[in-house]
Structure formats: structure tokens, C-alpha cells
N, C-alpha and C. Protein backbone atom coordinates (compact mmCIF):
# COMPACT_ATOMS: atom_id res chain seq x y z
N UNK A 1 -24.96 -1.24 14.54
CA UNK A 1 -25.03 -0.72 13.20
C UNK A 1 -23.63 -0.72 12.57
N UNK A 2 -23.62 -0.67 11.25
CA UNK A 2 -22.35 -0.67 10.54
C UNK A 2 -21.62 0.66 10.74
N UNK A 3 -20.34 0.55 11.03
CA UNK A 3 -19.51 1.75 11.13
C UNK A 3 -18.17 1.50 10.47
N UNK A 4 -17.73 2.47 9.71
CA UNK A 4 -16.38 2.50 9.16
C UNK A 4 -15.79 3.84 9.58
N UNK A 5 -14.69 3.79 10.33
CA UNK A 5 -14.11 5.00 10.89
C UNK A 5 -12.66 5.12 10.43
N UNK A 6 -12.41 6.13 9.61
CA UNK A 6 -11.06 6.37 9.11
C UNK A 6 -10.27 7.24 10.10
N UNK A 7 -8.97 7.05 10.07
CA UNK A 7 -8.07 7.88 10.86
C UNK A 7 -6.72 7.92 10.19
N UNK A 8 -5.88 8.85 10.62
CA UNK A 8 -4.52 8.92 10.11
C UNK A 8 -4.25 10.00 9.09
N UNK A 9 -5.28 10.73 8.69
CA UNK A 9 -5.06 11.81 7.74
C UNK A 9 -4.33 12.96 8.40
N UNK A 10 -3.95 13.93 7.57
CA UNK A 10 -3.26 15.10 8.10
C UNK A 10 -2.56 15.87 7.02
N UNK A 11 -1.68 16.77 7.45
CA UNK A 11 -0.91 17.61 6.56
C UNK A 11 0.52 17.07 6.49
N UNK A 12 1.02 16.90 5.28
CA UNK A 12 2.37 16.37 5.09
C UNK A 12 3.01 17.07 3.91
N UNK A 13 4.33 17.19 3.93
CA UNK A 13 5.03 17.78 2.80
C UNK A 13 5.16 16.77 1.67
N UNK A 14 5.29 17.30 0.48
CA UNK A 14 5.50 16.43 -0.68
C UNK A 14 6.71 15.53 -0.44
N UNK A 15 6.56 14.27 -0.82
CA UNK A 15 7.61 13.30 -0.58
C UNK A 15 7.45 12.54 0.72
N UNK A 16 6.57 13.01 1.55
CA UNK A 16 6.34 12.37 2.84
C UNK A 16 5.41 11.19 2.77
N UNK A 17 5.10 10.65 3.96
CA UNK A 17 4.27 9.45 4.05
C UNK A 17 3.18 9.63 5.10
N UNK A 18 2.10 8.91 4.88
CA UNK A 18 1.01 8.81 5.85
C UNK A 18 0.47 7.39 5.81
N UNK A 19 -0.09 6.97 6.94
CA UNK A 19 -0.76 5.67 6.98
C UNK A 19 -2.17 5.89 7.48
N UNK A 20 -3.12 5.55 6.63
CA UNK A 20 -4.52 5.64 6.99
C UNK A 20 -5.00 4.31 7.54
N UNK A 21 -5.93 4.37 8.48
CA UNK A 21 -6.58 3.19 9.01
C UNK A 21 -8.08 3.34 8.88
N UNK A 22 -8.76 2.21 8.79
CA UNK A 22 -10.22 2.20 8.71
C UNK A 22 -10.70 1.07 9.62
N UNK A 23 -11.31 1.44 10.72
CA UNK A 23 -11.81 0.46 11.67
C UNK A 23 -13.27 0.13 11.36
N UNK A 24 -13.55 -1.14 11.15
CA UNK A 24 -14.88 -1.57 10.75
C UNK A 24 -15.58 -2.28 11.90
N UNK A 25 -16.90 -2.10 11.97
CA UNK A 25 -17.70 -2.80 12.96
C UNK A 25 -19.13 -2.92 12.46
N UNK A 26 -19.87 -3.87 13.03
CA UNK A 26 -21.29 -4.01 12.71
C UNK A 26 -21.60 -4.93 11.54
N UNK A 27 -20.57 -5.52 10.94
CA UNK A 27 -20.79 -6.49 9.87
C UNK A 27 -19.58 -7.43 9.84
N UNK A 28 -19.67 -8.48 9.05
CA UNK A 28 -18.59 -9.46 8.98
C UNK A 28 -17.51 -8.96 8.04
N UNK A 29 -16.54 -8.28 8.61
CA UNK A 29 -15.50 -7.61 7.84
C UNK A 29 -14.80 -8.56 6.87
N UNK A 30 -14.51 -9.77 7.31
CA UNK A 30 -13.71 -10.69 6.51
C UNK A 30 -14.43 -11.21 5.27
N UNK A 31 -15.71 -10.95 5.13
CA UNK A 31 -16.46 -11.40 3.96
C UNK A 31 -16.56 -10.34 2.86
N UNK A 32 -16.08 -9.14 3.15
CA UNK A 32 -16.25 -8.03 2.22
C UNK A 32 -14.90 -7.58 1.66
N UNK A 33 -14.84 -7.44 0.34
CA UNK A 33 -13.74 -6.71 -0.24
C UNK A 33 -13.84 -5.26 0.21
N UNK A 34 -12.70 -4.59 0.24
CA UNK A 34 -12.65 -3.21 0.72
C UNK A 34 -11.92 -2.32 -0.28
N UNK A 35 -12.28 -1.06 -0.24
CA UNK A 35 -11.61 -0.11 -1.11
C UNK A 35 -11.33 1.21 -0.42
N UNK A 36 -10.34 1.92 -0.94
CA UNK A 36 -10.08 3.31 -0.56
C UNK A 36 -10.43 4.18 -1.76
N UNK A 37 -11.26 5.15 -1.51
CA UNK A 37 -11.62 6.15 -2.51
C UNK A 37 -11.07 7.51 -2.06
N UNK A 38 -10.99 8.44 -2.98
CA UNK A 38 -10.65 9.80 -2.62
C UNK A 38 -11.44 10.77 -3.48
N UNK A 39 -11.65 11.96 -2.90
CA UNK A 39 -12.34 13.01 -3.63
C UNK A 39 -11.64 14.33 -3.37
N UNK A 40 -11.12 14.90 -4.43
CA UNK A 40 -10.47 16.20 -4.35
C UNK A 40 -11.50 17.29 -4.64
N UNK A 41 -11.26 18.51 -4.21
CA UNK A 41 -12.21 19.60 -4.45
C UNK A 41 -12.51 19.76 -5.93
N UNK A 42 -13.80 19.79 -6.26
CA UNK A 42 -14.21 19.99 -7.64
C UNK A 42 -14.09 18.77 -8.52
N UNK A 43 -13.72 17.64 -7.94
CA UNK A 43 -13.55 16.42 -8.74
C UNK A 43 -14.48 15.32 -8.23
N UNK A 44 -14.68 14.33 -9.08
CA UNK A 44 -15.51 13.21 -8.69
C UNK A 44 -14.72 12.26 -7.78
N UNK A 45 -15.46 11.52 -6.97
CA UNK A 45 -14.83 10.50 -6.14
C UNK A 45 -14.25 9.42 -7.04
N UNK A 46 -13.03 8.98 -6.73
CA UNK A 46 -12.39 7.96 -7.53
C UNK A 46 -11.88 6.82 -6.65
N UNK A 47 -11.89 5.63 -7.23
CA UNK A 47 -11.33 4.46 -6.54
C UNK A 47 -9.82 4.51 -6.66
N UNK A 48 -9.16 4.48 -5.52
CA UNK A 48 -7.69 4.54 -5.49
C UNK A 48 -7.09 3.15 -5.47
N UNK A 49 -7.63 2.30 -4.60
CA UNK A 49 -7.10 0.96 -4.44
C UNK A 49 -8.15 0.09 -3.78
N UNK A 50 -8.06 -1.21 -3.99
CA UNK A 50 -9.02 -2.15 -3.42
C UNK A 50 -8.31 -3.45 -3.08
N UNK A 51 -8.92 -4.20 -2.17
CA UNK A 51 -8.35 -5.47 -1.73
C UNK A 51 -9.47 -6.47 -1.54
N UNK A 52 -9.20 -7.71 -1.89
CA UNK A 52 -10.20 -8.76 -1.76
C UNK A 52 -10.46 -9.08 -0.29
N UNK A 53 -11.49 -9.88 -0.08
CA UNK A 53 -11.93 -10.16 1.29
C UNK A 53 -10.84 -10.78 2.16
N UNK A 54 -10.04 -11.66 1.57
CA UNK A 54 -8.99 -12.32 2.35
C UNK A 54 -7.62 -11.74 2.05
N UNK A 55 -7.59 -10.70 1.23
CA UNK A 55 -6.35 -9.98 0.99
C UNK A 55 -5.45 -10.53 -0.08
N UNK A 56 -5.92 -11.52 -0.82
CA UNK A 56 -5.06 -12.14 -1.81
C UNK A 56 -4.97 -11.40 -3.13
N UNK A 57 -5.87 -10.46 -3.34
CA UNK A 57 -5.91 -9.75 -4.62
C UNK A 57 -6.06 -8.25 -4.35
N UNK A 58 -5.29 -7.47 -5.09
CA UNK A 58 -5.36 -6.02 -4.93
C UNK A 58 -5.46 -5.33 -6.29
N UNK A 59 -5.95 -4.11 -6.23
CA UNK A 59 -6.04 -3.23 -7.41
C UNK A 59 -5.51 -1.86 -7.02
N UNK A 60 -4.78 -1.24 -7.95
CA UNK A 60 -4.30 0.12 -7.73
C UNK A 60 -4.57 0.96 -8.97
N UNK A 61 -5.03 2.16 -8.75
CA UNK A 61 -5.12 3.11 -9.85
C UNK A 61 -3.71 3.44 -10.33
N UNK A 62 -3.57 3.72 -11.60
CA UNK A 62 -2.24 4.01 -12.16
C UNK A 62 -1.55 5.15 -11.42
N UNK A 63 -2.33 6.10 -10.95
CA UNK A 63 -1.76 7.29 -10.33
C UNK A 63 -1.07 7.00 -9.00
N UNK A 64 -1.34 5.84 -8.40
CA UNK A 64 -0.75 5.56 -7.09
C UNK A 64 0.11 4.29 -7.09
N UNK A 65 0.17 3.60 -8.21
CA UNK A 65 0.96 2.37 -8.27
C UNK A 65 2.41 2.63 -7.89
N UNK A 66 2.93 1.77 -7.04
CA UNK A 66 4.32 1.91 -6.61
C UNK A 66 4.51 2.85 -5.44
N UNK A 67 3.46 3.59 -5.09
CA UNK A 67 3.57 4.54 -3.97
C UNK A 67 2.65 4.18 -2.81
N UNK A 68 1.48 3.65 -3.12
CA UNK A 68 0.49 3.30 -2.09
C UNK A 68 0.42 1.79 -1.94
N UNK A 69 0.13 1.34 -0.71
CA UNK A 69 -0.05 -0.08 -0.44
C UNK A 69 -1.28 -0.26 0.44
N UNK A 70 -2.20 -1.08 -0.04
CA UNK A 70 -3.39 -1.41 0.74
C UNK A 70 -3.16 -2.74 1.44
N UNK A 71 -3.68 -2.84 2.66
CA UNK A 71 -3.59 -4.09 3.40
C UNK A 71 -4.76 -4.15 4.37
N UNK A 72 -4.95 -5.31 4.93
CA UNK A 72 -6.03 -5.49 5.90
C UNK A 72 -5.63 -6.51 6.94
N UNK A 73 -6.21 -6.37 8.11
CA UNK A 73 -6.03 -7.33 9.19
C UNK A 73 -7.42 -7.79 9.61
N UNK A 74 -7.81 -8.95 9.15
CA UNK A 74 -9.16 -9.43 9.43
C UNK A 74 -9.34 -9.83 10.90
N UNK A 75 -8.25 -10.01 11.61
CA UNK A 75 -8.37 -10.31 13.04
C UNK A 75 -8.68 -9.05 13.84
N UNK A 76 -8.37 -7.90 13.25
CA UNK A 76 -8.63 -6.62 13.91
C UNK A 76 -9.73 -5.81 13.23
N UNK A 77 -10.33 -6.39 12.19
CA UNK A 77 -11.38 -5.69 11.43
C UNK A 77 -10.91 -4.30 10.98
N UNK A 78 -9.71 -4.25 10.47
CA UNK A 78 -9.12 -2.97 10.11
C UNK A 78 -8.48 -3.03 8.73
N UNK A 79 -8.70 -1.96 7.99
CA UNK A 79 -8.13 -1.75 6.67
C UNK A 79 -7.08 -0.66 6.77
N UNK A 80 -6.01 -0.79 5.97
CA UNK A 80 -4.93 0.18 6.02
C UNK A 80 -4.61 0.70 4.62
N UNK A 81 -4.04 1.90 4.60
CA UNK A 81 -3.49 2.44 3.36
C UNK A 81 -2.18 3.14 3.70
N UNK A 82 -1.08 2.54 3.26
CA UNK A 82 0.23 3.16 3.42
C UNK A 82 0.50 4.01 2.20
N UNK A 83 0.72 5.29 2.40
CA UNK A 83 0.94 6.22 1.30
C UNK A 83 2.34 6.81 1.42
N UNK A 84 3.17 6.52 0.43
CA UNK A 84 4.54 7.02 0.40
C UNK A 84 4.73 7.95 -0.80
N UNK A 85 5.80 8.70 -0.77
CA UNK A 85 6.13 9.61 -1.86
C UNK A 85 4.92 10.46 -2.26
N UNK A 86 4.29 11.03 -1.29
CA UNK A 86 3.06 11.78 -1.53
C UNK A 86 3.32 13.01 -2.38
N UNK A 87 2.34 13.32 -3.21
CA UNK A 87 2.40 14.45 -4.12
C UNK A 87 1.24 15.41 -3.80
N UNK A 88 1.39 16.68 -4.17
CA UNK A 88 0.28 17.61 -3.94
C UNK A 88 -1.03 17.15 -4.57
N UNK A 89 -0.96 16.46 -5.69
CA UNK A 89 -2.18 15.99 -6.35
C UNK A 89 -2.85 14.84 -5.60
N UNK A 90 -2.22 14.32 -4.56
CA UNK A 90 -2.87 13.33 -3.70
C UNK A 90 -3.78 13.97 -2.67
N UNK A 91 -3.76 15.28 -2.59
CA UNK A 91 -4.61 15.99 -1.64
C UNK A 91 -6.08 15.71 -1.93
N UNK A 92 -6.79 15.23 -0.92
CA UNK A 92 -8.19 14.85 -1.08
C UNK A 92 -8.73 14.36 0.26
N UNK A 93 -10.03 14.15 0.28
CA UNK A 93 -10.63 13.41 1.39
C UNK A 93 -10.61 11.94 0.99
N UNK A 94 -10.11 11.11 1.88
CA UNK A 94 -10.01 9.68 1.63
C UNK A 94 -11.07 8.93 2.41
N UNK A 95 -11.76 8.05 1.70
CA UNK A 95 -12.85 7.28 2.27
C UNK A 95 -12.55 5.78 2.14
N UNK A 96 -12.89 5.02 3.16
CA UNK A 96 -12.88 3.57 3.00
C UNK A 96 -14.32 3.11 2.76
N UNK A 97 -14.44 2.00 2.09
CA UNK A 97 -15.75 1.48 1.74
C UNK A 97 -15.71 -0.04 1.64
N UNK A 98 -16.85 -0.66 1.93
CA UNK A 98 -16.98 -2.11 1.89
C UNK A 98 -17.86 -2.51 0.71
N UNK A 99 -17.40 -3.53 -0.01
CA UNK A 99 -18.13 -3.97 -1.20
C UNK A 99 -18.96 -5.21 -0.89
N UNK A 100 -20.23 -5.09 -1.14
CA UNK A 100 -21.17 -6.18 -0.90
C UNK A 100 -20.85 -7.36 -1.82
N UNK A 101 -20.67 -8.55 -1.29
CA UNK A 101 -20.29 -9.69 -2.14
C UNK A 101 -21.26 -10.01 -3.28
N UNK A 102 -22.56 -10.10 -3.03
CA UNK A 102 -23.45 -10.48 -4.13
C UNK A 102 -23.52 -9.43 -5.25
N UNK A 103 -23.69 -8.18 -4.86
CA UNK A 103 -23.89 -7.14 -5.87
C UNK A 103 -22.59 -6.53 -6.36
N UNK A 104 -21.51 -6.70 -5.59
CA UNK A 104 -20.21 -6.09 -5.90
C UNK A 104 -20.29 -4.57 -5.92
N UNK A 105 -21.25 -4.04 -5.22
CA UNK A 105 -21.35 -2.60 -5.06
C UNK A 105 -20.80 -2.19 -3.70
N UNK A 106 -20.22 -0.99 -3.63
CA UNK A 106 -19.75 -0.48 -2.35
C UNK A 106 -20.95 0.06 -1.58
N UNK A 107 -21.24 -0.61 -0.47
CA UNK A 107 -22.49 -0.31 0.23
C UNK A 107 -22.29 0.37 1.59
N UNK A 108 -21.12 0.18 2.17
CA UNK A 108 -20.83 0.82 3.46
C UNK A 108 -19.68 1.80 3.26
N UNK A 109 -19.82 2.99 3.84
CA UNK A 109 -18.83 4.06 3.65
C UNK A 109 -18.45 4.69 4.98
N UNK A 110 -17.19 5.08 5.08
CA UNK A 110 -16.77 5.88 6.21
C UNK A 110 -17.04 7.36 5.96
N UNK A 111 -16.71 8.17 6.95
CA UNK A 111 -16.99 9.61 6.86
C UNK A 111 -15.86 10.37 6.18
N UNK A 112 -14.73 9.72 6.02
CA UNK A 112 -13.61 10.34 5.32
C UNK A 112 -12.60 10.97 6.25
N UNK A 113 -11.37 11.04 5.76
CA UNK A 113 -10.30 11.71 6.48
C UNK A 113 -9.51 12.56 5.49
N UNK A 114 -9.19 13.78 5.88
CA UNK A 114 -8.53 14.71 4.98
C UNK A 114 -7.03 14.44 4.92
N UNK A 115 -6.53 14.38 3.70
CA UNK A 115 -5.09 14.30 3.46
C UNK A 115 -4.69 15.53 2.64
N UNK A 116 -3.76 16.29 3.15
CA UNK A 116 -3.28 17.49 2.46
C UNK A 116 -1.77 17.39 2.29
N UNK A 117 -1.33 17.50 1.04
CA UNK A 117 0.09 17.41 0.73
C UNK A 117 0.55 18.77 0.23
N UNK A 118 1.47 19.37 0.95
CA UNK A 118 1.96 20.69 0.56
C UNK A 118 3.20 20.55 -0.32
N UNK A 119 3.35 21.50 -1.22
CA UNK A 119 4.49 21.46 -2.16
C UNK A 119 5.71 22.18 -1.60
């Protein structure tokens, strides 16, 4: 069955860094674009960044441009999110998700990993 398992979350001080990983299994990872979403308490889930199936194209929300970097290793079926210069407003649960090629909808989701940035 399809599994997306995030890791790397935790508590960090403002200005610090974290690297999230998302290990995928049960489907052909290299055929799916991938995204990182986050959901803060009381807020809707938002798309933070996304990467194309082969990694040649990326998208970043304005709030994270210049601070976050998405990457993937299709040989390891793993998605990454390098987060630098973290701010308290980055505090949220971070989810990875896989986008179905035909429908372009995010169809597979991980369980999420908590990121907490203290001021």
C-alpha cells in the first residue's frame, strides 16, 4: 500500500534550521510531482512548496521564498525540505503529498510532522 512517512520535525529557536524528509513507498515515486503542505492551529492547510516529478521545476509560497528549499532523490524515493531562518510563524504540522499526474490532485498524504519555532 502507499505510504508517505515524514520525519525531521522538532523544536527549534527562531533563526534555526530543520530538514524534513518524506519517505515514499507503494507507488512509482518518480512519476509524481510532490508537495509540502503545512497547517497551523486554527488555520487552513496551505501549500508551502512543490517540485515536479523529475525535479526540474519548483514552486514556493511567498512566505518561504529564499528560506526553504525543496528537493527529491528519485533513487531513494525520498522528498526533502530544507528550512532555514525559521520564524515562529512557520510553526505548524508539515505534510508531504503526492500529486496524481492525470488529475493534478494531491492524492497521497503523509501523517505529518510537527515543527515548532520558538521566539
